[in-house]
N, C-alpha and C. Protein backbone atom coordinates (compact mmCIF):
# COMPACT_ATOMS: atom_id res chain seq x y z
N UNK A 1 40.09 -88.28 29.22
CA UNK A 1 40.24 -87.55 27.98
C UNK A 1 38.85 -87.29 27.42
N UNK A 2 38.59 -86.11 27.00
CA UNK A 2 37.29 -85.78 26.47
C UNK A 2 37.16 -86.29 25.04
N UNK A 3 35.90 -86.65 24.70
CA UNK A 3 35.64 -87.16 23.37
C UNK A 3 35.95 -86.14 22.30
N UNK A 4 35.64 -84.88 22.56
CA UNK A 4 35.88 -83.85 21.54
C UNK A 4 37.37 -83.76 21.20
N UNK A 5 38.22 -84.00 22.17
CA UNK A 5 39.66 -83.99 21.90
C UNK A 5 40.05 -85.17 21.03
N UNK A 6 39.44 -86.32 21.28
CA UNK A 6 39.71 -87.51 20.47
C UNK A 6 39.28 -87.26 19.04
N UNK A 7 38.08 -86.68 18.87
CA UNK A 7 37.59 -86.42 17.53
C UNK A 7 38.48 -85.41 16.82
N UNK A 8 38.90 -84.38 17.52
CA UNK A 8 39.77 -83.37 16.91
C UNK A 8 41.09 -83.98 16.47
N UNK A 9 41.67 -84.81 17.32
CA UNK A 9 42.94 -85.45 16.97
C UNK A 9 42.80 -86.37 15.77
N UNK A 10 41.74 -87.17 15.76
CA UNK A 10 41.60 -88.14 14.67
C UNK A 10 41.31 -87.44 13.35
N UNK A 11 40.54 -86.35 13.37
CA UNK A 11 40.28 -85.66 12.12
C UNK A 11 41.52 -84.95 11.60
N UNK A 12 42.31 -84.39 12.52
CA UNK A 12 43.54 -83.75 12.07
C UNK A 12 44.51 -84.79 11.53
N UNK A 13 44.55 -85.96 12.16
CA UNK A 13 45.45 -87.01 11.71
C UNK A 13 45.10 -87.47 10.30
N UNK A 14 43.85 -87.39 9.94
CA UNK A 14 43.43 -87.80 8.61
C UNK A 14 43.48 -86.66 7.59
N UNK A 15 43.87 -85.49 8.05
CA UNK A 15 44.01 -84.37 7.12
C UNK A 15 42.71 -83.68 6.82
N UNK A 16 41.74 -83.77 7.71
CA UNK A 16 40.46 -83.11 7.49
C UNK A 16 40.52 -81.73 8.11
N UNK A 17 40.23 -80.72 7.34
CA UNK A 17 40.33 -79.36 7.81
C UNK A 17 38.96 -78.70 7.77
N UNK A 18 38.75 -77.75 8.65
CA UNK A 18 37.51 -76.98 8.61
C UNK A 18 37.86 -75.51 8.42
N UNK A 19 36.86 -74.75 8.00
CA UNK A 19 37.07 -73.34 7.77
C UNK A 19 35.86 -72.57 8.29
N UNK A 20 36.05 -71.33 8.69
CA UNK A 20 34.91 -70.55 9.16
C UNK A 20 33.90 -70.37 8.03
N UNK A 21 32.65 -70.27 8.41
CA UNK A 21 31.59 -70.11 7.42
C UNK A 21 31.65 -68.70 6.84
N UNK A 22 31.59 -68.62 5.53
CA UNK A 22 31.56 -67.33 4.84
C UNK A 22 30.11 -66.86 4.83
N UNK A 23 29.88 -65.61 5.17
CA UNK A 23 28.52 -65.12 5.30
C UNK A 23 27.71 -65.23 4.01
N UNK A 24 28.22 -64.73 2.93
CA UNK A 24 27.49 -64.73 1.67
C UNK A 24 28.22 -65.62 0.69
N UNK A 25 27.55 -66.71 0.25
CA UNK A 25 28.21 -67.63 -0.65
C UNK A 25 27.59 -67.54 -2.04
N UNK A 26 28.43 -67.63 -3.03
CA UNK A 26 27.92 -67.68 -4.38
C UNK A 26 27.64 -69.13 -4.72
N UNK A 27 26.75 -69.32 -5.66
CA UNK A 27 26.34 -70.66 -6.03
C UNK A 27 27.45 -71.37 -6.80
N UNK A 28 27.66 -72.63 -6.47
CA UNK A 28 28.55 -73.49 -7.24
C UNK A 28 27.97 -74.89 -7.13
N UNK A 29 28.26 -75.71 -8.12
CA UNK A 29 27.72 -77.07 -8.11
C UNK A 29 28.21 -77.86 -6.90
N UNK A 30 29.48 -77.70 -6.57
CA UNK A 30 30.03 -78.43 -5.42
C UNK A 30 29.41 -77.93 -4.12
N UNK A 31 29.26 -76.61 -3.98
CA UNK A 31 28.65 -76.05 -2.77
C UNK A 31 27.19 -76.49 -2.66
N UNK A 32 26.49 -76.56 -3.79
CA UNK A 32 25.11 -77.03 -3.78
C UNK A 32 25.02 -78.48 -3.35
N UNK A 33 25.96 -79.30 -3.84
CA UNK A 33 25.98 -80.71 -3.44
C UNK A 33 26.26 -80.83 -1.94
N UNK A 34 27.14 -79.99 -1.44
CA UNK A 34 27.44 -80.01 -0.01
C UNK A 34 26.25 -79.51 0.81
N UNK A 35 25.54 -78.52 0.30
CA UNK A 35 24.35 -78.03 1.00
C UNK A 35 23.28 -79.12 1.08
N UNK A 36 23.15 -79.89 0.01
CA UNK A 36 22.21 -81.02 0.02
C UNK A 36 22.64 -82.07 1.05
N UNK A 37 23.93 -82.34 1.08
CA UNK A 37 24.47 -83.28 2.06
C UNK A 37 24.23 -82.75 3.48
N UNK A 38 24.43 -81.47 3.67
CA UNK A 38 24.20 -80.86 4.99
C UNK A 38 22.75 -81.08 5.43
N UNK A 39 21.81 -80.94 4.51
CA UNK A 39 20.40 -81.17 4.85
C UNK A 39 20.17 -82.60 5.32
N UNK A 40 20.81 -83.55 4.65
CA UNK A 40 20.69 -84.95 5.08
C UNK A 40 21.30 -85.15 6.47
N UNK A 41 22.46 -84.58 6.66
CA UNK A 41 23.18 -84.76 7.92
C UNK A 41 22.41 -84.17 9.09
N UNK A 42 21.74 -83.02 8.88
CA UNK A 42 21.01 -82.39 9.98
C UNK A 42 19.87 -83.27 10.48
N UNK A 43 19.36 -84.14 9.65
CA UNK A 43 18.34 -85.09 10.10
C UNK A 43 18.92 -85.98 11.20
N UNK A 44 20.11 -86.48 10.97
CA UNK A 44 20.74 -87.39 11.93
C UNK A 44 21.30 -86.64 13.14
N UNK A 45 21.89 -85.46 12.91
CA UNK A 45 22.40 -84.71 14.06
C UNK A 45 21.25 -84.21 14.92
N UNK A 46 20.12 -83.92 14.30
CA UNK A 46 18.94 -83.53 15.07
C UNK A 46 18.50 -84.66 16.00
N UNK A 47 18.54 -85.88 15.48
CA UNK A 47 18.21 -87.05 16.30
C UNK A 47 19.20 -87.22 17.44
N UNK A 48 20.49 -87.06 17.12
CA UNK A 48 21.53 -87.16 18.16
C UNK A 48 21.31 -86.09 19.23
N UNK A 49 21.09 -84.85 18.80
CA UNK A 49 20.92 -83.76 19.75
C UNK A 49 19.68 -83.95 20.61
N UNK A 50 18.59 -84.40 20.00
CA UNK A 50 17.35 -84.65 20.74
C UNK A 50 17.54 -85.77 21.77
N UNK A 51 18.19 -86.83 21.35
CA UNK A 51 18.46 -87.95 22.26
C UNK A 51 19.38 -87.51 23.39
N UNK A 52 20.42 -86.77 23.05
CA UNK A 52 21.37 -86.30 24.08
C UNK A 52 20.68 -85.39 25.09
N UNK A 53 19.75 -84.57 24.63
CA UNK A 53 19.05 -83.66 25.53
C UNK A 53 18.20 -84.42 26.55
N UNK A 54 17.77 -85.64 26.19
CA UNK A 54 16.94 -86.43 27.09
C UNK A 54 17.72 -87.26 28.10
N UNK A 55 19.04 -87.25 28.01
CA UNK A 55 19.87 -88.04 28.94
C UNK A 55 20.36 -87.14 30.06
N UNK A 56 20.19 -87.62 31.28
CA UNK A 56 20.67 -86.88 32.45
C UNK A 56 21.01 -87.87 33.55
N UNK A 57 21.34 -87.35 34.70
CA UNK A 57 21.77 -88.23 35.80
C UNK A 57 20.64 -89.15 36.28
N UNK A 58 19.40 -88.81 35.98
CA UNK A 58 18.27 -89.64 36.39
C UNK A 58 17.90 -90.70 35.34
N UNK A 59 18.60 -90.71 34.22
CA UNK A 59 18.30 -91.67 33.16
C UNK A 59 18.62 -93.09 33.63
N UNK A 60 17.76 -94.01 33.23
CA UNK A 60 17.96 -95.41 33.61
C UNK A 60 18.99 -96.06 32.69
N UNK A 61 19.43 -97.23 33.07
CA UNK A 61 20.38 -97.99 32.24
C UNK A 61 19.75 -98.28 30.88
N UNK A 62 18.45 -98.56 30.87
CA UNK A 62 17.75 -98.83 29.60
C UNK A 62 17.73 -97.57 28.73
N UNK A 63 17.50 -96.40 29.35
CA UNK A 63 17.53 -95.14 28.60
C UNK A 63 18.90 -94.91 27.99
N UNK A 64 19.93 -95.15 28.79
CA UNK A 64 21.30 -94.96 28.32
C UNK A 64 21.64 -95.93 27.19
N UNK A 65 21.19 -97.16 27.30
CA UNK A 65 21.45 -98.16 26.26
C UNK A 65 20.75 -97.77 24.96
N UNK A 66 19.51 -97.32 25.08
CA UNK A 66 18.77 -96.87 23.90
C UNK A 66 19.45 -95.67 23.25
N UNK A 67 19.91 -94.74 24.08
CA UNK A 67 20.60 -93.56 23.57
C UNK A 67 21.88 -93.95 22.84
N UNK A 68 22.64 -94.88 23.42
CA UNK A 68 23.88 -95.31 22.79
C UNK A 68 23.60 -95.96 21.43
N UNK A 69 22.53 -96.75 21.35
CA UNK A 69 22.16 -97.37 20.07
C UNK A 69 21.78 -96.31 19.05
N UNK A 70 21.04 -95.30 19.50
CA UNK A 70 20.64 -94.21 18.61
C UNK A 70 21.86 -93.44 18.12
N UNK A 71 22.77 -93.14 19.04
CA UNK A 71 23.99 -92.42 18.65
C UNK A 71 24.78 -93.21 17.60
N UNK A 72 24.98 -94.48 17.86
CA UNK A 72 25.75 -95.32 16.92
C UNK A 72 25.07 -95.39 15.56
N UNK A 73 23.76 -95.57 15.56
CA UNK A 73 23.02 -95.66 14.30
C UNK A 73 23.08 -94.35 13.52
N UNK A 74 22.88 -93.24 14.22
CA UNK A 74 22.89 -91.95 13.55
C UNK A 74 24.27 -91.59 13.01
N UNK A 75 25.32 -91.90 13.75
CA UNK A 75 26.68 -91.63 13.25
C UNK A 75 26.96 -92.49 12.02
N UNK A 76 26.53 -93.72 12.04
CA UNK A 76 26.70 -94.59 10.86
C UNK A 76 25.92 -94.04 9.67
N UNK A 77 24.72 -93.50 9.93
CA UNK A 77 23.92 -92.92 8.85
C UNK A 77 24.59 -91.67 8.28
N UNK A 78 25.21 -90.87 9.13
CA UNK A 78 25.95 -89.70 8.66
C UNK A 78 27.10 -90.15 7.75
N UNK A 79 27.82 -91.17 8.19
CA UNK A 79 28.92 -91.71 7.40
C UNK A 79 28.42 -92.20 6.05
N UNK A 80 27.30 -92.92 6.05
CA UNK A 80 26.72 -93.42 4.80
C UNK A 80 26.31 -92.28 3.87
N UNK A 81 25.73 -91.22 4.44
CA UNK A 81 25.32 -90.07 3.62
C UNK A 81 26.53 -89.41 2.96
N UNK A 82 27.60 -89.25 3.73
CA UNK A 82 28.83 -88.66 3.17
C UNK A 82 29.39 -89.55 2.07
N UNK A 83 29.46 -90.86 2.35
CA UNK A 83 29.99 -91.79 1.35
C UNK A 83 29.14 -91.81 0.08
N UNK A 84 27.84 -91.62 0.22
CA UNK A 84 26.96 -91.58 -0.95
C UNK A 84 27.15 -90.30 -1.77
N UNK A 85 27.53 -89.22 -1.11
CA UNK A 85 27.71 -87.94 -1.80
C UNK A 85 29.04 -87.86 -2.56
N UNK A 86 30.00 -88.63 -2.14
CA UNK A 86 31.35 -88.52 -2.74
C UNK A 86 31.34 -88.80 -4.25
N UNK A 87 30.72 -89.87 -4.75
CA UNK A 87 30.72 -90.08 -6.21
C UNK A 87 30.03 -88.95 -6.98
N UNK A 88 28.99 -88.38 -6.40
CA UNK A 88 28.30 -87.26 -7.04
C UNK A 88 29.24 -86.07 -7.16
N UNK A 89 29.97 -85.79 -6.11
CA UNK A 89 30.91 -84.67 -6.12
C UNK A 89 32.06 -84.93 -7.08
N UNK A 90 32.56 -86.16 -7.09
CA UNK A 90 33.66 -86.49 -8.00
C UNK A 90 33.25 -86.34 -9.46
N UNK A 91 31.97 -86.51 -9.76
CA UNK A 91 31.49 -86.41 -11.14
C UNK A 91 31.26 -84.97 -11.59
N UNK A 92 31.36 -84.01 -10.69
CA UNK A 92 31.14 -82.61 -11.04
C UNK A 92 32.28 -82.08 -11.89
N UNK A 93 31.96 -81.13 -12.77
CA UNK A 93 33.04 -80.50 -13.55
C UNK A 93 33.90 -79.62 -12.65
N UNK A 94 35.13 -79.41 -13.06
CA UNK A 94 36.05 -78.58 -12.30
C UNK A 94 35.55 -77.15 -12.24
N UNK A 95 35.72 -76.53 -11.08
CA UNK A 95 35.33 -75.13 -10.89
C UNK A 95 36.57 -74.29 -10.70
N UNK A 96 37.55 -74.53 -11.56
CA UNK A 96 38.84 -73.85 -11.40
C UNK A 96 38.72 -72.36 -11.68
N UNK A 97 39.57 -71.62 -11.00
CA UNK A 97 39.69 -70.20 -11.26
C UNK A 97 38.75 -69.31 -10.49
N UNK A 98 37.83 -69.85 -9.72
CA UNK A 98 36.87 -69.02 -9.01
C UNK A 98 37.15 -69.02 -7.51
N UNK A 99 37.61 -67.90 -7.02
CA UNK A 99 37.85 -67.77 -5.58
C UNK A 99 36.53 -67.84 -4.83
N UNK A 100 35.47 -67.24 -5.38
CA UNK A 100 34.16 -67.28 -4.73
C UNK A 100 33.68 -68.71 -4.60
N UNK A 101 33.87 -69.51 -5.65
CA UNK A 101 33.47 -70.91 -5.61
C UNK A 101 34.27 -71.67 -4.57
N UNK A 102 35.56 -71.42 -4.53
CA UNK A 102 36.42 -72.09 -3.55
C UNK A 102 35.99 -71.73 -2.13
N UNK A 103 35.71 -70.45 -1.89
CA UNK A 103 35.27 -70.02 -0.57
C UNK A 103 33.91 -70.62 -0.21
N UNK A 104 33.02 -70.71 -1.21
CA UNK A 104 31.70 -71.28 -0.96
C UNK A 104 31.80 -72.75 -0.58
N UNK A 105 32.65 -73.48 -1.27
CA UNK A 105 32.84 -74.90 -0.98
C UNK A 105 33.48 -75.07 0.39
N UNK A 106 34.49 -74.27 0.70
CA UNK A 106 35.13 -74.35 2.01
C UNK A 106 34.12 -74.05 3.11
N UNK A 107 33.27 -73.06 2.89
CA UNK A 107 32.26 -72.71 3.89
C UNK A 107 31.22 -73.83 4.05
N UNK A 108 30.82 -74.43 2.94
CA UNK A 108 29.85 -75.53 3.01
C UNK A 108 30.44 -76.73 3.73
N UNK A 109 31.70 -77.04 3.44
CA UNK A 109 32.35 -78.15 4.13
C UNK A 109 32.46 -77.86 5.63
N UNK A 110 32.84 -76.63 5.96
CA UNK A 110 32.98 -76.25 7.37
C UNK A 110 31.65 -76.37 8.09
N UNK A 111 30.58 -76.01 7.41
CA UNK A 111 29.25 -76.10 8.01
C UNK A 111 28.92 -77.56 8.34
N UNK A 112 29.25 -78.46 7.44
CA UNK A 112 29.03 -79.90 7.68
C UNK A 112 29.88 -80.36 8.85
N UNK A 113 31.15 -80.01 8.83
CA UNK A 113 32.07 -80.42 9.89
C UNK A 113 31.59 -79.91 11.25
N UNK A 114 31.22 -78.64 11.30
CA UNK A 114 30.77 -78.04 12.56
C UNK A 114 29.48 -78.68 13.06
N UNK A 115 28.58 -79.03 12.16
CA UNK A 115 27.32 -79.69 12.55
C UNK A 115 27.61 -81.05 13.18
N UNK A 116 28.47 -81.80 12.54
CA UNK A 116 28.83 -83.13 13.07
C UNK A 116 29.57 -82.99 14.39
N UNK A 117 30.52 -82.08 14.45
CA UNK A 117 31.28 -81.88 15.68
C UNK A 117 30.37 -81.45 16.83
N UNK A 118 29.40 -80.58 16.55
CA UNK A 118 28.46 -80.15 17.57
C UNK A 118 27.65 -81.31 18.13
N UNK A 119 27.19 -82.19 17.24
CA UNK A 119 26.42 -83.36 17.69
C UNK A 119 27.30 -84.29 18.52
N UNK A 120 28.54 -84.49 18.09
CA UNK A 120 29.44 -85.35 18.85
C UNK A 120 29.77 -84.74 20.21
N UNK A 121 29.87 -83.43 20.27
CA UNK A 121 30.09 -82.78 21.56
C UNK A 121 28.87 -82.94 22.47
N UNK A 122 27.67 -82.97 21.89
CA UNK A 122 26.47 -83.21 22.69
C UNK A 122 26.47 -84.63 23.25
N UNK A 123 26.97 -85.57 22.48
CA UNK A 123 27.12 -86.94 23.00
C UNK A 123 28.10 -86.91 24.17
N UNK A 124 29.19 -86.20 23.99
CA UNK A 124 30.20 -86.07 25.05
C UNK A 124 29.58 -85.51 26.33
N UNK A 125 28.70 -84.54 26.18
CA UNK A 125 28.08 -83.90 27.35
C UNK A 125 27.18 -84.86 28.14
N UNK A 126 26.71 -85.92 27.50
CA UNK A 126 25.85 -86.88 28.21
C UNK A 126 26.64 -87.78 29.14
N UNK A 127 27.94 -87.88 28.92
CA UNK A 127 28.75 -88.81 29.70
C UNK A 127 28.72 -90.21 29.11
N UNK A 128 28.04 -90.39 27.96
CA UNK A 128 27.95 -91.70 27.33
C UNK A 128 28.96 -91.87 26.20
N UNK A 129 29.94 -91.00 26.14
CA UNK A 129 30.91 -91.08 25.05
C UNK A 129 31.74 -92.35 25.09
N UNK A 130 31.67 -93.07 26.20
CA UNK A 130 32.45 -94.30 26.30
C UNK A 130 32.08 -95.28 25.18
N UNK A 131 30.83 -95.22 24.75
CA UNK A 131 30.42 -96.06 23.62
C UNK A 131 31.28 -95.74 22.41
N UNK A 132 31.50 -94.47 22.16
CA UNK A 132 32.23 -94.05 20.97
C UNK A 132 33.72 -94.29 21.12
N UNK A 133 34.26 -94.06 22.31
CA UNK A 133 35.69 -94.27 22.47
C UNK A 133 36.04 -95.74 22.47
N UNK A 134 35.16 -96.58 23.01
CA UNK A 134 35.41 -98.02 23.01
C UNK A 134 35.25 -98.62 21.62
N UNK A 135 34.36 -98.03 20.83
CA UNK A 135 34.08 -98.57 19.50
C UNK A 135 34.55 -97.61 18.42
N UNK A 136 35.64 -96.92 18.68
CA UNK A 136 36.13 -95.90 17.76
C UNK A 136 36.37 -96.45 16.36
N UNK A 137 36.96 -97.64 16.26
CA UNK A 137 37.25 -98.17 14.92
C UNK A 137 35.98 -98.55 14.18
N UNK A 138 34.90 -98.79 14.88
CA UNK A 138 33.65 -99.18 14.24
C UNK A 138 32.81 -97.95 13.88
N UNK A 139 32.85 -96.92 14.71
CA UNK A 139 31.95 -95.77 14.54
C UNK A 139 32.68 -94.52 14.09
N UNK A 140 33.70 -94.11 14.80
CA UNK A 140 34.34 -92.82 14.55
C UNK A 140 35.34 -92.87 13.41
N UNK A 141 36.14 -93.90 13.34
CA UNK A 141 37.13 -93.98 12.26
C UNK A 141 36.47 -93.95 10.88
N UNK A 142 35.39 -94.69 10.64
CA UNK A 142 34.74 -94.56 9.32
C UNK A 142 34.21 -93.14 9.06
N UNK A 143 33.73 -92.47 10.10
CA UNK A 143 33.24 -91.11 9.93
C UNK A 143 34.38 -90.16 9.55
N UNK A 144 35.47 -90.22 10.26
CA UNK A 144 36.59 -89.34 9.95
C UNK A 144 37.21 -89.68 8.59
N UNK A 145 37.21 -90.96 8.25
CA UNK A 145 37.71 -91.37 6.94
C UNK A 145 36.82 -90.80 5.84
N UNK A 146 35.51 -90.86 6.03
CA UNK A 146 34.59 -90.35 5.00
C UNK A 146 34.72 -88.83 4.87
N UNK A 147 34.94 -88.13 5.99
CA UNK A 147 35.15 -86.68 5.90
C UNK A 147 36.44 -86.37 5.15
N UNK A 148 37.47 -87.16 5.36
CA UNK A 148 38.73 -86.98 4.64
C UNK A 148 38.54 -87.25 3.15
N UNK A 149 37.81 -88.31 2.82
CA UNK A 149 37.56 -88.64 1.42
C UNK A 149 36.71 -87.56 0.75
N UNK A 150 35.81 -86.97 1.51
CA UNK A 150 34.98 -85.89 0.97
C UNK A 150 35.83 -84.69 0.58
N UNK A 151 36.73 -84.30 1.45
CA UNK A 151 37.57 -83.14 1.13
C UNK A 151 38.54 -83.47 -0.02
N UNK A 152 38.96 -84.71 -0.12
CA UNK A 152 39.80 -85.12 -1.25
C UNK A 152 39.01 -85.03 -2.55
N UNK A 153 37.76 -85.47 -2.52
CA UNK A 153 36.90 -85.37 -3.71
C UNK A 153 36.68 -83.90 -4.09
N UNK A 154 36.50 -83.07 -3.09
CA UNK A 154 36.29 -81.64 -3.35
C UNK A 154 37.53 -80.99 -3.94
N UNK A 155 38.69 -81.42 -3.48
CA UNK A 155 39.94 -80.86 -3.99
C UNK A 155 40.08 -81.10 -5.49
N UNK A 156 39.59 -82.24 -5.96
CA UNK A 156 39.70 -82.52 -7.39
C UNK A 156 38.71 -81.69 -8.21
N UNK A 157 37.68 -81.15 -7.57
CA UNK A 157 36.69 -80.34 -8.27
C UNK A 157 37.01 -78.84 -8.16
N UNK A 158 37.52 -78.43 -7.01
CA UNK A 158 37.76 -77.01 -6.76
C UNK A 158 39.26 -76.79 -6.55
N UNK A 159 39.88 -76.08 -7.49
CA UNK A 159 41.31 -75.79 -7.39
C UNK A 159 41.61 -74.98 -6.14
N UNK A 160 42.74 -75.25 -5.55
CA UNK A 160 43.25 -74.49 -4.41
C UNK A 160 42.39 -74.58 -3.16
N UNK A 161 41.47 -75.54 -3.09
CA UNK A 161 40.60 -75.65 -1.92
C UNK A 161 41.42 -75.86 -0.65
N UNK A 162 42.37 -76.77 -0.71
CA UNK A 162 43.16 -77.03 0.49
C UNK A 162 43.98 -75.82 0.91
N UNK A 163 44.46 -75.05 -0.04
CA UNK A 163 45.21 -73.85 0.30
C UNK A 163 44.33 -72.84 1.02
N UNK A 164 43.09 -72.67 0.53
CA UNK A 164 42.16 -71.75 1.18
C UNK A 164 41.79 -72.26 2.57
N UNK A 165 41.51 -73.55 2.67
CA UNK A 165 41.15 -74.13 3.96
C UNK A 165 42.32 -74.02 4.93
N UNK A 166 43.53 -74.27 4.46
CA UNK A 166 44.71 -74.14 5.33
C UNK A 166 44.84 -72.73 5.84
N UNK A 167 44.66 -71.77 4.96
CA UNK A 167 44.75 -70.38 5.36
C UNK A 167 43.72 -70.04 6.43
N UNK A 168 42.50 -70.53 6.25
CA UNK A 168 41.45 -70.27 7.23
C UNK A 168 41.66 -71.06 8.51
N UNK A 169 42.31 -72.21 8.39
CA UNK A 169 42.53 -73.09 9.53
C UNK A 169 43.57 -72.56 10.50
N UNK A 170 44.48 -71.75 10.02
CA UNK A 170 45.56 -71.25 10.88
C UNK A 170 45.03 -70.65 12.18
N UNK A 171 43.92 -69.93 12.11
CA UNK A 171 43.35 -69.33 13.31
C UNK A 171 42.72 -70.36 14.24
N UNK A 172 42.26 -71.47 13.69
CA UNK A 172 41.61 -72.51 14.49
C UNK A 172 42.64 -73.33 15.25
N UNK A 173 43.84 -73.46 14.72
CA UNK A 173 44.86 -74.30 15.35
C UNK A 173 45.19 -73.86 16.77
N UNK A 174 45.11 -72.58 17.03
CA UNK A 174 45.38 -72.09 18.38
C UNK A 174 44.38 -72.67 19.36
N UNK A 175 43.10 -72.72 18.97
CA UNK A 175 42.07 -73.29 19.83
C UNK A 175 42.28 -74.77 20.05
N UNK A 176 42.67 -75.49 19.01
CA UNK A 176 42.92 -76.91 19.16
C UNK A 176 44.12 -77.13 20.06
N UNK A 177 45.15 -76.32 19.90
CA UNK A 177 46.32 -76.42 20.74
C UNK A 177 45.94 -76.25 22.22
N UNK A 178 45.09 -75.28 22.51
CA UNK A 178 44.66 -75.06 23.89
C UNK A 178 43.87 -76.26 24.42
N UNK A 179 43.04 -76.88 23.56
CA UNK A 179 42.29 -78.05 23.98
C UNK A 179 43.22 -79.22 24.28
N UNK A 180 44.26 -79.37 23.46
CA UNK A 180 45.19 -80.47 23.66
C UNK A 180 46.01 -80.31 24.94
N UNK A 181 46.23 -79.08 25.35
CA UNK A 181 46.98 -78.84 26.58
C UNK A 181 46.27 -79.42 27.81
N UNK A 182 44.94 -79.56 27.72
CA UNK A 182 44.17 -80.07 28.85
C UNK A 182 44.11 -81.58 28.93
N UNK A 183 44.69 -82.29 27.97
CA UNK A 183 44.65 -83.75 27.95
C UNK A 183 45.67 -84.29 28.93
N UNK A 184 45.21 -85.20 29.78
CA UNK A 184 46.15 -85.88 30.69
C UNK A 184 46.40 -87.27 30.14
N UNK A 185 47.64 -87.65 30.09
CA UNK A 185 47.99 -88.96 29.54
C UNK A 185 48.29 -89.95 30.64
């Protein structure tokens, strides 16, 4: 089973949704907070991507062990960054009534989700995903839980966010369905 399928299943199970990025976003406090979080996350995903690029069939056991430690540390740091942003987002005033604000927040959240998913897929490409699947409750479950809590915090700030994300998600479900068809049990 591929790691990306595991991640997709666990995020869907927790009710975490993504949406396509909107090209032009209007400013909103929640979207700005998410953009700041995205900047923090890219530091860690950059490390993951750089480490993953250095792993290949010629990598030694020591290289692989170091890479696995880096992956675990960076994923934990991403989780910590998300958890640190949640109280800030919860303290924001409501942005009710603005479709542009809702779309901007959905796009910012999707950008974060896609960045994390891309880094996790790069880990999968190294063949070292066994670290993550074996330690899912230690590494991945907290990450998916924090993403779920983030969208819950956003829902309390931006009215109808889940409805907009659901509407945008409908097109993505077909792709997930196709990925799930390839899973052998």
